[in-house]
Structures are given as structure tokens and as C-alpha cells.
Amino acid sequence: MPDPIDFYFDFGSPYGYFASLRIDELAAKHGRGVTWHPVLLGAIFKVTGMKPNLQQPLRGAYLTLDVGRVARLTGAPFTFPDSAPVNGVAASRAFYWLTDRHPEQAKLLAHALFHAHFGEGLDIGPADMVAEIAAKTLGSLGIDRAAVSAALQDPAVKERLRGETDDAVERGVFGSPFVIVDGEPFWGWDRLDMLDRWLATGGW
């Protein structure tokens, strides 16, 4: 069976959100799975010398316009959050804590966190909000707010996120979304159609 696609994203990235709504379906069409990797763009930007788009002159204004346009084009639920760019540390830690226990449910949590932030405009930066969303989404698994809150402070979970972000940099990841398939990198939501074609043809 072909290797899974690696999907890197930051929970504070609207383009990461749009890609998250499509990546698994796109991969399945080509007989592929997807391994999700939340990372911290803040740490990656220390390597690249960049800063969040919203904090850049001209580029921030363009992003604000463009993400609304993408949402209308794709029909994705979208409310620009006042908290943007949000700190995705707590959300990312919760994902990695859960993925070691319930891998498929970890994706459900990621979707729920993305929807809360970009679909409803909620601030998912605070640990309490992440724990609340996790408990609401996955309460049937016996996951409650206290368990999630404790996990967010677990040194092993913190190290897992640091390690994933460091590994992403080693693989050349510098933005969100960033997809790697069979060693071939694709950056940006607008590269998903190219990725689709690449998988269909075997590359060029």
C-alpha cells in the first residue's frame, strides 16, 4: 500500500483550515491515507525569519480579503476570528495526546477545533477552551475536561509537539498547509489541485 500523505498545519492558519476540509477525501480518491501533523508556525518563523501574515503590511490586508473569498468559493463555514493569529499550542498538544490513544478521533478533534476557530470565530488559544471542545466532541470516549487539561501540562506531550515541529523543519516545512507525498513537497491550500493531479499521474 502506498505511504500516507503527511499533512502539516498550524491551528491558527485559515488556509490550513480550508485544506483540512479536503485533504482526506482527496487522498482517499488515490488510495492514500493522511497523517496529520499540527506544528507551530511561530517556532518555524524563527528559522525562516518570517512573521504571521496578519502582522505584515499589505499582506495582512490581502489575507483578510482572500480567506473570505476562499470560504465563499468552497462553501466552508467561516467567521474571521478576533483572536487571529491564535496561539495553537494547547490545540496541538491536545491533538498529539489524543492521537497516541485514539488516532482517528484525534482528527475529529482537529476538525472540531478548526471549526470552532474559523467556522464560529471562537478563540481556541486558551487551554480551557481546548479542553471544553475536546470534552464536548469526545465525551463518549470518556474524555473529560480534567483529563485534557492535565494532558496539556504533561512534559511528554509538550516534548512531542516540540519534536514534531523540529522534524517538520528538518523536512523543509515552512508554512501551513504543507503536504509531503513520496518526498514531494506542496505548500499552500491552492496547491491541492496540483497535488490531486500529481497523485493521479505519478508526477512529472
N, C-alpha and C. Protein backbone atom coordinates (compact mmCIF):
# COMPACT_ATOMS: atom_id res chain seq x y z
N MET A 1 0.84 -1.19 0.00
CA MET A 1 0.00 0.00 0.00
C MET A 1 0.88 1.25 0.00
N PRO A 2 0.53 2.28 -0.77
CA PRO A 2 1.36 3.50 -0.82
C PRO A 2 1.47 4.14 0.56
N ASP A 3 2.56 4.85 0.77
CA ASP A 3 2.76 5.56 2.03
C ASP A 3 1.70 6.64 2.20
N PRO A 4 1.33 6.94 3.44
CA PRO A 4 0.36 8.02 3.66
C PRO A 4 0.95 9.38 3.31
N ILE A 5 0.07 10.30 3.05
CA ILE A 5 0.43 11.70 2.82
C ILE A 5 0.65 12.37 4.17
N ASP A 6 1.69 13.17 4.29
CA ASP A 6 1.93 13.93 5.51
C ASP A 6 1.35 15.33 5.34
N PHE A 7 0.45 15.68 6.23
CA PHE A 7 -0.27 16.96 6.19
C PHE A 7 0.13 17.80 7.40
N TYR A 8 0.89 18.86 7.15
CA TYR A 8 1.36 19.76 8.21
C TYR A 8 0.51 21.03 8.22
N PHE A 9 0.17 21.49 9.41
CA PHE A 9 -0.67 22.68 9.52
C PHE A 9 -0.52 23.30 10.90
N ASP A 10 -0.89 24.57 10.97
CA ASP A 10 -0.98 25.28 12.25
C ASP A 10 -2.45 25.58 12.49
N PHE A 11 -2.93 25.38 13.71
CA PHE A 11 -4.34 25.63 14.01
C PHE A 11 -4.73 27.09 13.83
N GLY A 12 -3.76 27.98 13.77
CA GLY A 12 -4.06 29.38 13.56
C GLY A 12 -4.08 29.79 12.09
N SER A 13 -3.92 28.82 11.20
CA SER A 13 -3.83 29.11 9.77
C SER A 13 -5.18 28.90 9.08
N PRO A 14 -5.78 29.96 8.51
CA PRO A 14 -7.04 29.76 7.81
C PRO A 14 -6.88 28.87 6.58
N TYR A 15 -5.74 28.94 5.93
CA TYR A 15 -5.52 28.07 4.78
C TYR A 15 -5.34 26.62 5.23
N GLY A 16 -4.75 26.44 6.40
CA GLY A 16 -4.69 25.10 6.98
C GLY A 16 -6.08 24.55 7.24
N TYR A 17 -6.97 25.42 7.71
CA TYR A 17 -8.37 25.04 7.93
C TYR A 17 -9.03 24.60 6.63
N PHE A 18 -8.89 25.41 5.58
CA PHE A 18 -9.52 25.04 4.31
C PHE A 18 -8.96 23.71 3.79
N ALA A 19 -7.66 23.51 3.92
CA ALA A 19 -7.05 22.26 3.46
C ALA A 19 -7.55 21.07 4.28
N SER A 20 -7.78 21.29 5.57
CA SER A 20 -8.23 20.18 6.43
C SER A 20 -9.59 19.65 6.02
N LEU A 21 -10.39 20.48 5.36
CA LEU A 21 -11.71 20.06 4.94
C LEU A 21 -11.68 19.19 3.69
N ARG A 22 -10.54 19.15 3.04
CA ARG A 22 -10.45 18.45 1.76
C ARG A 22 -9.41 17.34 1.69
N ILE A 23 -8.37 17.41 2.51
CA ILE A 23 -7.19 16.58 2.31
C ILE A 23 -7.49 15.08 2.39
N ASP A 24 -8.30 14.64 3.34
CA ASP A 24 -8.54 13.21 3.47
C ASP A 24 -9.34 12.65 2.30
N GLU A 25 -10.33 13.40 1.84
CA GLU A 25 -11.12 12.96 0.69
C GLU A 25 -10.25 12.91 -0.57
N LEU A 26 -9.41 13.90 -0.75
CA LEU A 26 -8.52 13.93 -1.91
C LEU A 26 -7.59 12.72 -1.88
N ALA A 27 -7.01 12.44 -0.72
CA ALA A 27 -6.09 11.32 -0.61
C ALA A 27 -6.79 9.99 -0.84
N ALA A 28 -7.98 9.82 -0.29
CA ALA A 28 -8.71 8.56 -0.43
C ALA A 28 -9.02 8.26 -1.89
N LYS A 29 -9.23 9.29 -2.67
CA LYS A 29 -9.51 9.10 -4.09
C LYS A 29 -8.35 8.39 -4.78
N HIS A 30 -7.16 8.52 -4.21
CA HIS A 30 -5.97 7.92 -4.80
C HIS A 30 -5.44 6.76 -3.97
N GLY A 31 -6.29 6.25 -3.07
CA GLY A 31 -5.90 5.10 -2.27
C GLY A 31 -4.86 5.41 -1.21
N ARG A 32 -4.85 6.64 -0.74
CA ARG A 32 -3.87 7.06 0.26
C ARG A 32 -4.55 7.40 1.59
N GLY A 33 -3.80 7.21 2.66
CA GLY A 33 -4.19 7.74 3.95
C GLY A 33 -3.49 9.07 4.17
N VAL A 34 -3.82 9.72 5.28
CA VAL A 34 -3.19 11.01 5.61
C VAL A 34 -2.76 10.99 7.07
N THR A 35 -1.53 11.35 7.32
CA THR A 35 -1.04 11.54 8.69
C THR A 35 -1.02 13.04 8.97
N TRP A 36 -1.78 13.44 9.98
CA TRP A 36 -1.90 14.86 10.32
C TRP A 36 -0.80 15.24 11.31
N HIS A 37 -0.20 16.42 11.07
CA HIS A 37 0.88 16.92 11.92
C HIS A 37 0.66 18.39 12.26
N PRO A 38 -0.04 18.72 13.34
CA PRO A 38 -0.05 20.13 13.75
C PRO A 38 1.35 20.56 14.18
N VAL A 39 1.73 21.76 13.76
CA VAL A 39 3.03 22.31 14.12
C VAL A 39 2.84 23.76 14.53
N LEU A 40 3.90 24.37 15.02
CA LEU A 40 3.83 25.75 15.48
C LEU A 40 4.59 26.64 14.52
N LEU A 41 3.85 27.44 13.75
CA LEU A 41 4.50 28.33 12.80
C LEU A 41 5.38 29.36 13.49
N GLY A 42 5.02 29.73 14.73
CA GLY A 42 5.85 30.70 15.45
C GLY A 42 7.28 30.20 15.59
N ALA A 43 7.43 28.92 15.91
CA ALA A 43 8.77 28.35 16.03
C ALA A 43 9.44 28.23 14.67
N ILE A 44 8.67 27.88 13.66
CA ILE A 44 9.23 27.75 12.31
C ILE A 44 9.66 29.11 11.78
N PHE A 45 8.91 30.17 12.10
CA PHE A 45 9.26 31.51 11.63
C PHE A 45 10.58 31.99 12.21
N LYS A 46 10.97 31.44 13.35
CA LYS A 46 12.27 31.81 13.91
C LYS A 46 13.39 31.30 13.01
N VAL A 47 13.11 30.25 12.26
CA VAL A 47 14.09 29.70 11.32
C VAL A 47 14.05 30.47 10.00
N THR A 48 12.83 30.78 9.52
CA THR A 48 12.70 31.42 8.21
C THR A 48 12.83 32.94 8.25
N GLY A 49 12.69 33.53 9.46
CA GLY A 49 12.74 34.98 9.57
C GLY A 49 11.43 35.66 9.22
N MET A 50 10.36 34.89 9.03
CA MET A 50 9.06 35.44 8.70
C MET A 50 8.29 35.79 9.97
N LYS A 51 7.13 36.42 9.80
CA LYS A 51 6.20 36.64 10.88
C LYS A 51 4.80 36.40 10.35
N PRO A 52 3.79 36.26 11.22
CA PRO A 52 2.45 35.95 10.74
C PRO A 52 1.98 36.93 9.67
N ASN A 53 1.26 36.39 8.68
CA ASN A 53 0.79 37.24 7.57
C ASN A 53 0.01 38.46 8.06
N LEU A 54 -0.83 38.26 9.08
CA LEU A 54 -1.66 39.35 9.57
C LEU A 54 -0.84 40.48 10.17
N GLN A 55 0.40 40.20 10.52
CA GLN A 55 1.26 41.22 11.11
C GLN A 55 2.17 41.88 10.08
N GLN A 56 1.97 41.54 8.80
CA GLN A 56 2.78 42.11 7.74
C GLN A 56 1.99 43.17 6.97
N PRO A 57 2.59 44.33 6.73
CA PRO A 57 1.89 45.35 5.94
C PRO A 57 1.51 44.80 4.56
N LEU A 58 0.36 45.22 4.08
CA LEU A 58 -0.17 44.83 2.78
C LEU A 58 -0.59 43.36 2.75
N ARG A 59 0.27 42.48 3.15
CA ARG A 59 -0.04 41.05 3.09
C ARG A 59 -1.18 40.69 4.04
N GLY A 60 -1.21 41.32 5.21
CA GLY A 60 -2.27 41.05 6.16
C GLY A 60 -3.63 41.45 5.63
N ALA A 61 -3.69 42.61 4.99
CA ALA A 61 -4.96 43.07 4.41
C ALA A 61 -5.41 42.14 3.29
N TYR A 62 -4.46 41.66 2.51
CA TYR A 62 -4.81 40.75 1.43
C TYR A 62 -5.36 39.44 1.98
N LEU A 63 -4.70 38.91 3.01
CA LEU A 63 -5.16 37.65 3.60
C LEU A 63 -6.60 37.79 4.09
N THR A 64 -6.91 38.89 4.76
CA THR A 64 -8.25 39.10 5.28
C THR A 64 -9.28 39.06 4.17
N LEU A 65 -8.95 39.65 3.03
CA LEU A 65 -9.83 39.61 1.87
C LEU A 65 -9.91 38.20 1.28
N ASP A 66 -8.75 37.57 1.13
CA ASP A 66 -8.68 36.31 0.40
C ASP A 66 -9.37 35.16 1.12
N VAL A 67 -9.23 35.09 2.44
CA VAL A 67 -9.82 33.94 3.14
C VAL A 67 -11.35 33.98 3.07
N GLY A 68 -11.92 35.17 3.08
CA GLY A 68 -13.36 35.26 2.90
C GLY A 68 -13.77 34.80 1.51
N ARG A 69 -12.95 35.12 0.53
CA ARG A 69 -13.21 34.72 -0.84
C ARG A 69 -13.12 33.19 -1.00
N VAL A 70 -12.11 32.58 -0.36
CA VAL A 70 -11.97 31.13 -0.41
C VAL A 70 -13.17 30.46 0.25
N ALA A 71 -13.60 31.01 1.37
CA ALA A 71 -14.76 30.44 2.07
C ALA A 71 -16.00 30.48 1.18
N ARG A 72 -16.21 31.59 0.49
CA ARG A 72 -17.37 31.69 -0.39
C ARG A 72 -17.26 30.73 -1.57
N LEU A 73 -16.06 30.59 -2.10
CA LEU A 73 -15.82 29.69 -3.22
C LEU A 73 -16.10 28.24 -2.85
N THR A 74 -15.64 27.83 -1.67
CA THR A 74 -15.73 26.43 -1.28
C THR A 74 -16.97 26.10 -0.46
N GLY A 75 -17.67 27.13 0.02
CA GLY A 75 -18.83 26.88 0.86
C GLY A 75 -18.47 26.49 2.28
N ALA A 76 -17.21 26.74 2.68
CA ALA A 76 -16.77 26.39 4.02
C ALA A 76 -17.34 27.37 5.04
N PRO A 77 -17.82 26.89 6.18
CA PRO A 77 -18.24 27.80 7.24
C PRO A 77 -17.07 28.69 7.64
N PHE A 78 -17.30 29.99 7.77
CA PHE A 78 -16.17 30.86 8.07
C PHE A 78 -16.62 32.12 8.78
N THR A 79 -15.97 32.40 9.91
CA THR A 79 -16.11 33.65 10.64
C THR A 79 -14.71 34.08 11.03
N PHE A 80 -14.28 35.24 10.54
CA PHE A 80 -12.90 35.64 10.85
C PHE A 80 -12.78 35.91 12.35
N PRO A 81 -11.92 35.15 13.04
CA PRO A 81 -11.83 35.28 14.50
C PRO A 81 -11.09 36.54 14.94
N ASP A 82 -11.63 37.20 15.95
CA ASP A 82 -10.96 38.39 16.50
C ASP A 82 -9.60 38.05 17.10
N SER A 83 -9.43 36.78 17.49
CA SER A 83 -8.20 36.37 18.16
C SER A 83 -7.07 36.02 17.19
N ALA A 84 -7.33 36.11 15.88
CA ALA A 84 -6.30 35.76 14.89
C ALA A 84 -5.13 36.76 14.94
N PRO A 85 -3.89 36.26 14.82
CA PRO A 85 -3.48 34.86 14.71
C PRO A 85 -3.44 34.19 16.09
N VAL A 86 -4.15 33.11 16.23
CA VAL A 86 -4.27 32.45 17.53
C VAL A 86 -3.03 31.62 17.84
N ASN A 87 -2.77 31.46 19.12
CA ASN A 87 -1.69 30.58 19.58
C ASN A 87 -2.21 29.15 19.59
N GLY A 88 -1.64 28.28 18.76
CA GLY A 88 -2.14 26.91 18.63
C GLY A 88 -1.47 25.90 19.52
N VAL A 89 -0.75 26.33 20.54
CA VAL A 89 -0.01 25.39 21.38
C VAL A 89 -0.95 24.39 22.06
N ALA A 90 -1.97 24.89 22.76
CA ALA A 90 -2.86 23.99 23.50
C ALA A 90 -3.59 23.04 22.56
N ALA A 91 -4.08 23.55 21.45
CA ALA A 91 -4.79 22.71 20.48
C ALA A 91 -3.88 21.61 19.94
N SER A 92 -2.64 21.97 19.64
CA SER A 92 -1.70 20.99 19.08
C SER A 92 -1.31 19.94 20.11
N ARG A 93 -1.10 20.37 21.35
CA ARG A 93 -0.79 19.39 22.40
C ARG A 93 -1.94 18.42 22.59
N ALA A 94 -3.17 18.92 22.59
CA ALA A 94 -4.33 18.05 22.77
C ALA A 94 -4.40 17.03 21.65
N PHE A 95 -4.12 17.46 20.42
CA PHE A 95 -4.13 16.55 19.29
C PHE A 95 -3.13 15.41 19.49
N TYR A 96 -1.90 15.73 19.85
CA TYR A 96 -0.88 14.68 19.98
C TYR A 96 -1.14 13.78 21.17
N TRP A 97 -1.68 14.33 22.23
CA TRP A 97 -2.05 13.48 23.37
C TRP A 97 -3.10 12.47 22.93
N LEU A 98 -4.07 12.92 22.18
CA LEU A 98 -5.17 12.04 21.76
C LEU A 98 -4.74 11.08 20.67
N THR A 99 -3.87 11.51 19.77
CA THR A 99 -3.53 10.65 18.64
C THR A 99 -2.80 9.39 19.08
N ASP A 100 -2.13 9.43 20.22
CA ASP A 100 -1.47 8.24 20.73
C ASP A 100 -2.45 7.27 21.36
N ARG A 101 -3.67 7.72 21.61
CA ARG A 101 -4.68 6.88 22.24
C ARG A 101 -5.81 6.50 21.26
N HIS A 102 -6.27 7.46 20.52
CA HIS A 102 -7.38 7.25 19.58
C HIS A 102 -7.07 8.01 18.29
N PRO A 103 -6.24 7.45 17.41
CA PRO A 103 -5.76 8.20 16.23
C PRO A 103 -6.87 8.80 15.37
N GLU A 104 -7.90 8.04 15.07
CA GLU A 104 -8.95 8.59 14.20
C GLU A 104 -9.75 9.68 14.91
N GLN A 105 -9.95 9.50 16.22
CA GLN A 105 -10.68 10.53 16.96
C GLN A 105 -9.87 11.83 17.08
N ALA A 106 -8.54 11.71 16.97
CA ALA A 106 -7.71 12.91 17.01
C ALA A 106 -8.04 13.82 15.83
N LYS A 107 -8.34 13.21 14.69
CA LYS A 107 -8.74 14.03 13.53
C LYS A 107 -10.09 14.69 13.79
N LEU A 108 -10.99 13.97 14.46
CA LEU A 108 -12.28 14.57 14.80
C LEU A 108 -12.07 15.80 15.69
N LEU A 109 -11.15 15.68 16.63
CA LEU A 109 -10.86 16.82 17.50
C LEU A 109 -10.28 17.97 16.69
N ALA A 110 -9.36 17.66 15.78
CA ALA A 110 -8.77 18.71 14.95
C ALA A 110 -9.85 19.43 14.15
N HIS A 111 -10.77 18.68 13.57
CA HIS A 111 -11.86 19.31 12.82
C HIS A 111 -12.71 20.18 13.74
N ALA A 112 -12.98 19.69 14.94
CA ALA A 112 -13.81 20.45 15.88
C ALA A 112 -13.11 21.75 16.29
N LEU A 113 -11.81 21.68 16.52
CA LEU A 113 -11.06 22.88 16.91
C LEU A 113 -11.00 23.87 15.76
N PHE A 114 -10.73 23.38 14.56
CA PHE A 114 -10.71 24.26 13.39
C PHE A 114 -12.07 24.93 13.19
N HIS A 115 -13.14 24.13 13.32
CA HIS A 115 -14.48 24.69 13.11
C HIS A 115 -14.80 25.75 14.17
N ALA A 116 -14.45 25.44 15.41
CA ALA A 116 -14.71 26.41 16.48
C ALA A 116 -14.01 27.73 16.19
N HIS A 117 -12.78 27.64 15.70
CA HIS A 117 -11.99 28.86 15.49
C HIS A 117 -12.41 29.60 14.23
N PHE A 118 -12.40 28.90 13.11
CA PHE A 118 -12.67 29.57 11.84
C PHE A 118 -14.12 29.47 11.37
N GLY A 119 -14.84 28.47 11.84
CA GLY A 119 -16.25 28.37 11.49
C GLY A 119 -17.12 29.25 12.37
N GLU A 120 -16.76 29.33 13.68
CA GLU A 120 -17.57 30.09 14.63
C GLU A 120 -16.87 31.33 15.15
N GLY A 121 -15.58 31.48 14.87
CA GLY A 121 -14.85 32.67 15.31
C GLY A 121 -14.43 32.64 16.76
N LEU A 122 -14.40 31.46 17.40
CA LEU A 122 -14.02 31.36 18.81
C LEU A 122 -12.51 31.37 18.97
N ASP A 123 -12.07 31.80 20.12
CA ASP A 123 -10.64 31.83 20.45
C ASP A 123 -10.25 30.47 21.03
N ILE A 124 -9.48 29.68 20.27
CA ILE A 124 -9.08 28.35 20.76
C ILE A 124 -7.68 28.38 21.37
N GLY A 125 -7.19 29.57 21.65
CA GLY A 125 -5.89 29.67 22.28
C GLY A 125 -5.87 29.19 23.73
N PRO A 126 -6.84 29.60 24.56
CA PRO A 126 -6.82 29.21 25.97
C PRO A 126 -6.99 27.70 26.16
N ALA A 127 -6.23 27.16 27.10
CA ALA A 127 -6.31 25.72 27.38
C ALA A 127 -7.71 25.31 27.80
N ASP A 128 -8.40 26.15 28.55
CA ASP A 128 -9.76 25.81 28.99
C ASP A 128 -10.71 25.64 27.82
N MET A 129 -10.55 26.45 26.79
CA MET A 129 -11.41 26.33 25.62
C MET A 129 -11.11 25.03 24.87
N VAL A 130 -9.85 24.70 24.73
CA VAL A 130 -9.47 23.45 24.07
C VAL A 130 -10.03 22.25 24.83
N ALA A 131 -9.92 22.28 26.15
CA ALA A 131 -10.44 21.18 26.97
C ALA A 131 -11.95 21.07 26.84
N GLU A 132 -12.63 22.19 26.78
CA GLU A 132 -14.08 22.19 26.64
C GLU A 132 -14.51 21.59 25.30
N ILE A 133 -13.84 22.00 24.23
CA ILE A 133 -14.17 21.47 22.90
C ILE A 133 -13.87 19.98 22.83
N ALA A 134 -12.76 19.56 23.40
CA ALA A 134 -12.40 18.14 23.39
C ALA A 134 -13.43 17.30 24.15
N ALA A 135 -13.84 17.77 25.32
CA ALA A 135 -14.82 17.03 26.11
C ALA A 135 -16.16 16.96 25.40
N LYS A 136 -16.55 18.04 24.76
CA LYS A 136 -17.82 18.07 24.04
C LYS A 136 -17.79 17.15 22.83
N THR A 137 -16.67 17.11 22.15
CA THR A 137 -16.54 16.32 20.92
C THR A 137 -16.34 14.84 21.21
N LEU A 138 -15.61 14.53 22.29
CA LEU A 138 -15.18 13.15 22.52
C LEU A 138 -15.59 12.60 23.87
N GLY A 139 -16.61 13.20 24.43
CA GLY A 139 -17.08 12.73 25.74
C GLY A 139 -17.49 11.28 25.75
N SER A 140 -17.94 10.76 24.61
CA SER A 140 -18.37 9.36 24.54
C SER A 140 -17.20 8.39 24.74
N LEU A 141 -15.97 8.89 24.59
CA LEU A 141 -14.79 8.06 24.82
C LEU A 141 -14.30 8.15 26.26
N GLY A 142 -15.04 8.87 27.07
CA GLY A 142 -14.64 9.04 28.46
C GLY A 142 -13.61 10.14 28.64
N ILE A 143 -13.47 10.98 27.63
CA ILE A 143 -12.50 12.09 27.70
C ILE A 143 -13.21 13.31 28.27
N ASP A 144 -12.72 13.78 29.40
CA ASP A 144 -13.34 14.94 30.03
C ASP A 144 -12.36 16.11 30.11
N ARG A 145 -12.85 17.24 30.56
CA ARG A 145 -12.04 18.44 30.58
C ARG A 145 -10.82 18.28 31.48
N ALA A 146 -11.00 17.61 32.61
CA ALA A 146 -9.88 17.46 33.55
C ALA A 146 -8.74 16.66 32.93
N ALA A 147 -9.09 15.61 32.20
CA ALA A 147 -8.06 14.77 31.57
C ALA A 147 -7.30 15.56 30.52
N VAL A 148 -8.01 16.33 29.73
CA VAL A 148 -7.36 17.12 28.69
C VAL A 148 -6.49 18.21 29.31
N SER A 149 -7.01 18.89 30.32
CA SER A 149 -6.25 19.94 30.98
C SER A 149 -4.95 19.41 31.56
N ALA A 150 -5.02 18.21 32.15
CA ALA A 150 -3.81 17.60 32.70
C ALA A 150 -2.83 17.24 31.59
N ALA A 151 -3.36 16.72 30.48
CA ALA A 151 -2.50 16.31 29.36
C ALA A 151 -1.75 17.50 28.78
N LEU A 152 -2.36 18.66 28.78
CA LEU A 152 -1.72 19.83 28.18
C LEU A 152 -0.48 20.27 28.95
N GLN A 153 -0.38 19.82 30.20
CA GLN A 153 0.78 20.16 31.03
C GLN A 153 1.76 19.00 31.16
N ASP A 154 1.49 17.91 30.48
CA ASP A 154 2.34 16.73 30.54
C ASP A 154 3.65 17.00 29.79
N PRO A 155 4.80 16.86 30.45
CA PRO A 155 6.08 17.13 29.77
C PRO A 155 6.27 16.29 28.51
N ALA A 156 5.78 15.06 28.52
CA ALA A 156 5.92 14.20 27.34
C ALA A 156 5.13 14.75 26.16
N VAL A 157 3.95 15.29 26.44
CA VAL A 157 3.12 15.86 25.39
C VAL A 157 3.77 17.14 24.85
N LYS A 158 4.29 17.96 25.75
CA LYS A 158 4.99 19.17 25.33
C LYS A 158 6.18 18.82 24.42
N GLU A 159 6.93 17.80 24.82
CA GLU A 159 8.10 17.40 24.03
C GLU A 159 7.68 16.84 22.69
N ARG A 160 6.55 16.12 22.66
CA ARG A 160 6.07 15.58 21.39
C ARG A 160 5.81 16.70 20.38
N LEU A 161 5.18 17.77 20.82
CA LEU A 161 4.91 18.88 19.92
C LEU A 161 6.20 19.56 19.47
N ARG A 162 7.12 19.75 20.39
CA ARG A 162 8.41 20.35 20.01
C ARG A 162 9.11 19.47 18.98
N GLY A 163 9.09 18.15 19.22
CA GLY A 163 9.75 17.23 18.30
C GLY A 163 9.11 17.23 16.93
N GLU A 164 7.78 17.26 16.89
CA GLU A 164 7.08 17.28 15.60
C GLU A 164 7.41 18.55 14.82
N THR A 165 7.49 19.67 15.52
CA THR A 165 7.81 20.93 14.85
C THR A 165 9.25 20.93 14.35
N ASP A 166 10.16 20.40 15.15
CA ASP A 166 11.56 20.31 14.73
C ASP A 166 11.69 19.38 13.52
N ASP A 167 10.99 18.26 13.56
CA ASP A 167 11.04 17.32 12.43
C ASP A 167 10.48 17.95 11.16
N ALA A 168 9.43 18.76 11.32
CA ALA A 168 8.85 19.44 10.17
C ALA A 168 9.88 20.36 9.51
N VAL A 169 10.60 21.11 10.33
CA VAL A 169 11.64 21.99 9.80
C VAL A 169 12.70 21.18 9.06
N GLU A 170 13.09 20.06 9.64
CA GLU A 170 14.08 19.19 9.00
C GLU A 170 13.61 18.71 7.64
N ARG A 171 12.29 18.57 7.47
CA ARG A 171 11.74 18.11 6.20
C ARG A 171 11.44 19.26 5.23
N GLY A 172 11.74 20.49 5.66
CA GLY A 172 11.57 21.63 4.79
C GLY A 172 10.24 22.34 4.91
N VAL A 173 9.46 22.02 5.94
CA VAL A 173 8.16 22.66 6.12
C VAL A 173 8.35 24.09 6.61
N PHE A 174 7.71 25.05 5.94
CA PHE A 174 7.87 26.45 6.33
C PHE A 174 6.55 27.21 6.38
N GLY A 175 5.43 26.55 6.10
CA GLY A 175 4.14 27.23 6.11
C GLY A 175 3.01 26.26 6.36
N SER A 176 1.79 26.79 6.31
CA SER A 176 0.59 25.99 6.57
C SER A 176 -0.51 26.36 5.58
N PRO A 177 -1.06 25.35 4.90
CA PRO A 177 -0.76 23.92 4.98
C PRO A 177 0.47 23.57 4.15
N PHE A 178 1.08 22.46 4.51
CA PHE A 178 2.24 21.94 3.80
C PHE A 178 2.06 20.43 3.71
N VAL A 179 2.09 19.92 2.51
CA VAL A 179 1.85 18.50 2.28
C VAL A 179 3.09 17.87 1.65
N ILE A 180 3.47 16.70 2.12
CA ILE A 180 4.57 15.95 1.53
C ILE A 180 4.05 14.58 1.13
N VAL A 181 4.23 14.24 -0.14
CA VAL A 181 3.80 12.93 -0.65
C VAL A 181 4.98 12.31 -1.39
N ASP A 182 5.42 11.16 -0.91
CA ASP A 182 6.55 10.45 -1.52
C ASP A 182 7.77 11.36 -1.68
N GLY A 183 7.98 12.21 -0.68
CA GLY A 183 9.13 13.10 -0.69
C GLY A 183 8.92 14.40 -1.45
N GLU A 184 7.76 14.55 -2.11
CA GLU A 184 7.49 15.74 -2.91
C GLU A 184 6.70 16.75 -2.08
N PRO A 185 7.20 17.98 -1.90
CA PRO A 185 6.53 18.98 -1.06
C PRO A 185 5.57 19.86 -1.85
N PHE A 186 4.44 20.19 -1.22
CA PHE A 186 3.47 21.11 -1.78
C PHE A 186 3.05 22.08 -0.68
N TRP A 187 3.20 23.38 -0.94
CA TRP A 187 2.87 24.39 0.08
C TRP A 187 1.64 25.17 -0.37
N GLY A 188 0.66 25.23 0.51
CA GLY A 188 -0.49 26.10 0.29
C GLY A 188 -1.77 25.38 -0.09
N TRP A 189 -2.89 25.96 0.36
CA TRP A 189 -4.20 25.42 0.00
C TRP A 189 -4.39 25.39 -1.50
N ASP A 190 -3.84 26.37 -2.20
CA ASP A 190 -4.03 26.45 -3.64
C ASP A 190 -3.18 25.46 -4.41
N ARG A 191 -2.42 24.62 -3.71
CA ARG A 191 -1.67 23.56 -4.37
C ARG A 191 -2.38 22.21 -4.30
N LEU A 192 -3.56 22.16 -3.71
CA LEU A 192 -4.24 20.88 -3.59
C LEU A 192 -4.66 20.32 -4.93
N ASP A 193 -5.04 21.18 -5.86
CA ASP A 193 -5.38 20.69 -7.20
C ASP A 193 -4.15 20.12 -7.89
N MET A 194 -3.00 20.75 -7.69
CA MET A 194 -1.76 20.22 -8.23
C MET A 194 -1.42 18.87 -7.59
N LEU A 195 -1.62 18.79 -6.29
CA LEU A 195 -1.41 17.53 -5.58
C LEU A 195 -2.31 16.43 -6.14
N ASP A 196 -3.56 16.76 -6.39
CA ASP A 196 -4.51 15.82 -6.97
C ASP A 196 -3.99 15.29 -8.31
N ARG A 197 -3.54 16.20 -9.14
CA ARG A 197 -3.00 15.81 -10.45
C ARG A 197 -1.74 14.98 -10.30
N TRP A 198 -0.89 15.35 -9.37
CA TRP A 198 0.36 14.62 -9.13
C TRP A 198 0.08 13.18 -8.74
N LEU A 199 -0.88 13.00 -7.86
CA LEU A 199 -1.23 11.65 -7.42
C LEU A 199 -1.86 10.84 -8.55
N ALA A 200 -2.64 11.51 -9.39
CA ALA A 200 -3.32 10.82 -10.49
C ALA A 200 -2.34 10.37 -11.57
N THR A 201 -1.30 11.16 -11.78
CA THR A 201 -0.39 10.89 -12.90
C THR A 201 0.92 10.24 -12.48
N GLY A 202 1.23 10.27 -11.19
CA GLY A 202 2.52 9.76 -10.74
C GLY A 202 3.62 10.81 -10.80
N GLY A 203 3.22 12.05 -11.07
CA GLY A 203 4.19 13.14 -11.07
C GLY A 203 4.69 13.48 -12.46
N TRP A 204 5.46 14.55 -12.55
CA TRP A 204 6.00 14.97 -13.84
C TRP A 204 7.34 15.66 -13.64
